[in-house]
Every structure is written in C-alpha cells, then in structure tokens.
C-alpha cells in the first residue's frame, strides 16, 4: 500500500472563488480557513486575494491555509 506523504505542497488559491478551493485543498491534503476582509459581505462567493502560507510552500499534511477573501459590500435597500 502506498503511504501518503506527511509533507504536502500548498496549492495556488489566489484569484479563485472560495467555492473553487475546496476540492484542490482536499486533493492537496490541506485544510482551509476563510478570513473575510469585508465587514458586511454580500451573500455571494468571495474571491481569494491572499493566502498564508503561500502557494508552493511545503507544509505538514492537514495544515491550515488561511484564505484572505474579499466579498462585494452588501447593499442595503
């Protein structure tokens, strides 16, 4: 049986919508945590503008990658 590596490479998440990051994160062996930049976000999929650690970094499997996400401001009627 093949053993999974204990060290994995962080994928590039910048420029993706949050909903697009789940599968690549799962496949890479990392967890994600969203950090919202918008105080009152509109109920839409936010865009990843930064991430920590950065893409290409080697981290322990199941490490958390923080996704800094910008949403459009929620417009109140």
N, C-alpha and C. Protein backbone atom coordinates (compact mmCIF):
# COMPACT_ATOMS: atom_id res chain seq x y z
N UNK A 1 0.83 -1.21 0.00
CA UNK A 1 0.00 0.00 0.00
C UNK A 1 0.86 1.26 0.00
N UNK A 2 0.44 2.26 -0.76
CA UNK A 2 1.24 3.49 -0.82
C UNK A 2 0.96 4.34 0.42
N UNK A 3 2.04 4.84 0.99
CA UNK A 3 1.90 5.71 2.16
C UNK A 3 1.78 7.15 1.69
N UNK A 4 0.87 7.89 2.32
CA UNK A 4 0.73 9.30 1.95
C UNK A 4 1.89 10.07 2.57
N UNK A 5 2.40 11.01 1.80
CA UNK A 5 3.47 11.85 2.29
C UNK A 5 2.98 12.69 3.47
N UNK A 6 3.87 12.89 4.44
CA UNK A 6 3.48 13.72 5.59
C UNK A 6 3.67 15.21 5.28
N UNK A 7 4.39 15.49 4.19
CA UNK A 7 4.60 16.88 3.77
C UNK A 7 3.94 17.07 2.41
N UNK A 8 3.17 18.15 2.29
CA UNK A 8 2.44 18.42 1.04
C UNK A 8 2.74 19.83 0.56
N UNK A 9 2.45 20.08 -0.70
CA UNK A 9 2.69 21.40 -1.29
C UNK A 9 1.38 22.19 -1.30
N UNK A 10 1.45 23.45 -0.88
CA UNK A 10 0.27 24.32 -0.83
C UNK A 10 -0.12 24.73 -2.24
N UNK A 11 -1.39 24.52 -2.63
CA UNK A 11 -1.85 24.95 -3.95
C UNK A 11 -1.99 26.47 -4.04
N UNK A 12 -2.08 26.98 -5.27
CA UNK A 12 -2.36 28.40 -5.50
C UNK A 12 -3.87 28.60 -5.41
N UNK A 13 -4.30 29.42 -4.46
CA UNK A 13 -5.73 29.70 -4.29
C UNK A 13 -6.09 31.11 -4.73
N UNK A 14 -5.10 32.01 -4.84
CA UNK A 14 -5.40 33.40 -5.18
C UNK A 14 -6.09 33.50 -6.53
N UNK A 15 -7.09 34.37 -6.61
CA UNK A 15 -7.81 34.57 -7.85
C UNK A 15 -8.98 33.61 -8.03
N UNK A 16 -9.16 32.68 -7.07
CA UNK A 16 -10.26 31.72 -7.15
C UNK A 16 -11.38 32.15 -6.22
N UNK A 17 -12.59 31.73 -6.54
CA UNK A 17 -13.70 31.93 -5.63
C UNK A 17 -13.59 30.87 -4.53
N UNK A 18 -14.09 31.20 -3.35
CA UNK A 18 -13.98 30.30 -2.21
C UNK A 18 -14.50 28.89 -2.55
N UNK A 19 -15.63 28.82 -3.25
CA UNK A 19 -16.22 27.51 -3.57
C UNK A 19 -15.31 26.66 -4.46
N UNK A 20 -14.37 27.31 -5.17
CA UNK A 20 -13.47 26.58 -6.06
C UNK A 20 -12.25 26.04 -5.33
N UNK A 21 -12.08 26.38 -4.05
CA UNK A 21 -10.86 26.00 -3.33
C UNK A 21 -11.01 24.68 -2.57
N UNK A 22 -12.24 24.23 -2.36
CA UNK A 22 -12.44 23.05 -1.51
C UNK A 22 -11.81 21.79 -2.07
N UNK A 23 -12.07 21.49 -3.34
CA UNK A 23 -11.55 20.26 -3.93
C UNK A 23 -10.02 20.27 -4.05
N UNK A 24 -9.42 21.36 -4.57
CA UNK A 24 -7.95 21.37 -4.64
C UNK A 24 -7.30 21.24 -3.25
N UNK A 25 -7.91 21.85 -2.23
CA UNK A 25 -7.37 21.75 -0.87
C UNK A 25 -7.43 20.30 -0.39
N UNK A 26 -8.57 19.66 -0.61
CA UNK A 26 -8.75 18.27 -0.22
C UNK A 26 -7.74 17.37 -0.93
N UNK A 27 -7.59 17.58 -2.24
CA UNK A 27 -6.66 16.77 -3.02
C UNK A 27 -5.21 16.99 -2.59
N UNK A 28 -4.88 18.21 -2.18
CA UNK A 28 -3.51 18.52 -1.78
C UNK A 28 -3.21 18.06 -0.35
N UNK A 29 -4.27 17.84 0.45
CA UNK A 29 -4.06 17.40 1.82
C UNK A 29 -3.93 18.53 2.81
N UNK A 30 -4.54 19.69 2.50
CA UNK A 30 -4.54 20.82 3.44
C UNK A 30 -5.97 21.21 3.78
N UNK A 31 -6.11 21.92 4.90
CA UNK A 31 -7.41 22.47 5.29
C UNK A 31 -7.38 23.96 4.96
N UNK A 32 -8.56 24.55 4.83
CA UNK A 32 -8.60 26.00 4.58
C UNK A 32 -9.45 26.68 5.63
N UNK A 33 -9.10 27.91 5.92
CA UNK A 33 -9.89 28.75 6.82
C UNK A 33 -10.02 30.11 6.17
N UNK A 34 -11.28 30.56 6.02
CA UNK A 34 -11.55 31.82 5.34
C UNK A 34 -11.45 32.99 6.32
N UNK A 35 -10.75 34.03 5.90
CA UNK A 35 -10.66 35.29 6.65
C UNK A 35 -11.28 36.35 5.75
N UNK A 36 -12.44 36.90 6.17
CA UNK A 36 -13.16 37.88 5.33
C UNK A 36 -12.62 39.29 5.56
N UNK A 37 -12.41 40.00 4.46
CA UNK A 37 -11.96 41.40 4.54
C UNK A 37 -13.15 42.36 4.60
N UNK A 38 -14.31 41.89 4.16
CA UNK A 38 -15.48 42.75 4.04
C UNK A 38 -16.34 42.62 5.30
N UNK A 39 -16.65 43.76 5.91
CA UNK A 39 -17.39 43.75 7.17
C UNK A 39 -18.82 43.23 6.99
N UNK A 40 -19.52 43.71 5.95
CA UNK A 40 -20.89 43.28 5.68
C UNK A 40 -20.93 42.67 4.28
N UNK A 41 -20.45 41.41 4.15
CA UNK A 41 -20.35 40.84 2.80
C UNK A 41 -21.70 40.55 2.16
N UNK A 42 -21.77 40.76 0.86
CA UNK A 42 -22.94 40.36 0.10
C UNK A 42 -22.99 38.83 0.11
N UNK A 43 -24.18 38.25 -0.01
CA UNK A 43 -24.29 36.79 0.05
C UNK A 43 -23.87 36.13 -1.27
N UNK A 44 -22.62 36.34 -1.64
CA UNK A 44 -22.08 35.76 -2.87
C UNK A 44 -20.73 35.13 -2.54
N UNK A 45 -20.22 34.37 -3.49
CA UNK A 45 -18.94 33.71 -3.33
C UNK A 45 -17.81 34.74 -3.34
N UNK A 46 -17.00 34.77 -2.29
CA UNK A 46 -15.90 35.72 -2.21
C UNK A 46 -14.70 35.28 -3.04
N UNK A 47 -13.81 36.23 -3.31
CA UNK A 47 -12.62 35.99 -4.12
C UNK A 47 -11.39 35.97 -3.22
N UNK A 48 -10.54 34.95 -3.38
CA UNK A 48 -9.32 34.85 -2.57
C UNK A 48 -8.31 35.86 -3.11
N UNK A 49 -7.87 36.80 -2.26
CA UNK A 49 -6.92 37.82 -2.69
C UNK A 49 -5.52 37.57 -2.13
N UNK A 50 -5.43 36.85 -1.00
CA UNK A 50 -4.14 36.47 -0.42
C UNK A 50 -4.30 35.12 0.26
N UNK A 51 -3.17 34.49 0.53
CA UNK A 51 -3.21 33.23 1.26
C UNK A 51 -1.94 33.12 2.10
N UNK A 52 -2.06 32.37 3.20
CA UNK A 52 -0.92 32.15 4.08
C UNK A 52 -1.02 30.74 4.64
N UNK A 53 -0.05 29.87 4.39
CA UNK A 53 1.18 30.09 3.66
C UNK A 53 0.96 30.21 2.15
N UNK A 54 1.98 30.74 1.47
CA UNK A 54 1.85 31.00 0.03
C UNK A 54 1.93 29.70 -0.78
N UNK A 55 1.48 29.80 -2.03
CA UNK A 55 1.48 28.66 -2.95
C UNK A 55 2.90 28.13 -3.13
N UNK A 56 3.01 26.80 -3.18
CA UNK A 56 4.31 26.18 -3.40
C UNK A 56 5.06 25.84 -2.13
N UNK A 57 4.66 26.45 -1.00
CA UNK A 57 5.30 26.14 0.28
C UNK A 57 5.02 24.69 0.65
N UNK A 58 5.96 24.06 1.31
CA UNK A 58 5.77 22.70 1.79
C UNK A 58 5.34 22.77 3.26
N UNK A 59 4.25 22.10 3.57
CA UNK A 59 3.70 22.12 4.93
C UNK A 59 3.33 20.69 5.33
N UNK A 60 3.10 20.49 6.64
CA UNK A 60 2.64 19.19 7.09
C UNK A 60 1.24 18.93 6.58
N UNK A 61 0.96 17.68 6.23
CA UNK A 61 -0.38 17.28 5.79
C UNK A 61 -1.39 17.72 6.85
N UNK A 62 -2.56 18.15 6.41
CA UNK A 62 -3.65 18.62 7.28
C UNK A 62 -3.37 19.98 7.92
N UNK A 63 -2.32 20.69 7.46
CA UNK A 63 -2.10 22.06 7.93
C UNK A 63 -3.22 22.94 7.41
N UNK A 64 -3.42 24.08 8.08
CA UNK A 64 -4.45 25.03 7.66
C UNK A 64 -3.83 26.12 6.80
N UNK A 65 -4.47 26.39 5.67
CA UNK A 65 -4.09 27.52 4.81
C UNK A 65 -5.16 28.59 5.01
N UNK A 66 -4.74 29.79 5.40
CA UNK A 66 -5.68 30.89 5.62
C UNK A 66 -5.91 31.59 4.28
N UNK A 67 -7.18 31.69 3.91
CA UNK A 67 -7.57 32.33 2.66
C UNK A 67 -8.14 33.71 2.99
N UNK A 68 -7.47 34.75 2.55
CA UNK A 68 -7.94 36.11 2.78
C UNK A 68 -8.86 36.45 1.61
N UNK A 69 -10.14 36.70 1.95
CA UNK A 69 -11.20 36.75 0.94
C UNK A 69 -11.89 38.10 0.92
N UNK A 70 -12.10 38.63 -0.28
CA UNK A 70 -12.84 39.89 -0.44
C UNK A 70 -14.20 39.57 -1.06
N UNK A 71 -15.24 40.11 -0.44
CA UNK A 71 -16.61 39.99 -0.96
C UNK A 71 -17.06 41.39 -1.37
N UNK A 72 -18.01 41.48 -2.31
CA UNK A 72 -18.63 42.78 -2.54
C UNK A 72 -19.39 43.20 -1.27
N UNK A 73 -19.45 44.47 -1.01
CA UNK A 73 -20.18 45.00 0.15
C UNK A 73 -21.67 44.73 -0.05
N UNK A 74 -22.34 44.34 1.03
CA UNK A 74 -23.78 44.08 0.96
C UNK A 74 -24.51 45.43 0.83
N UNK A 75 -25.30 45.58 -0.23
CA UNK A 75 -26.03 46.83 -0.46
C UNK A 75 -27.40 46.72 0.21
N UNK A 76 -27.67 47.64 1.11
CA UNK A 76 -28.97 47.63 1.77
C UNK A 76 -29.95 48.51 1.00
N UNK A 77 -31.19 48.04 0.86
CA UNK A 77 -32.17 48.81 0.08
C UNK A 77 -32.53 50.13 0.75
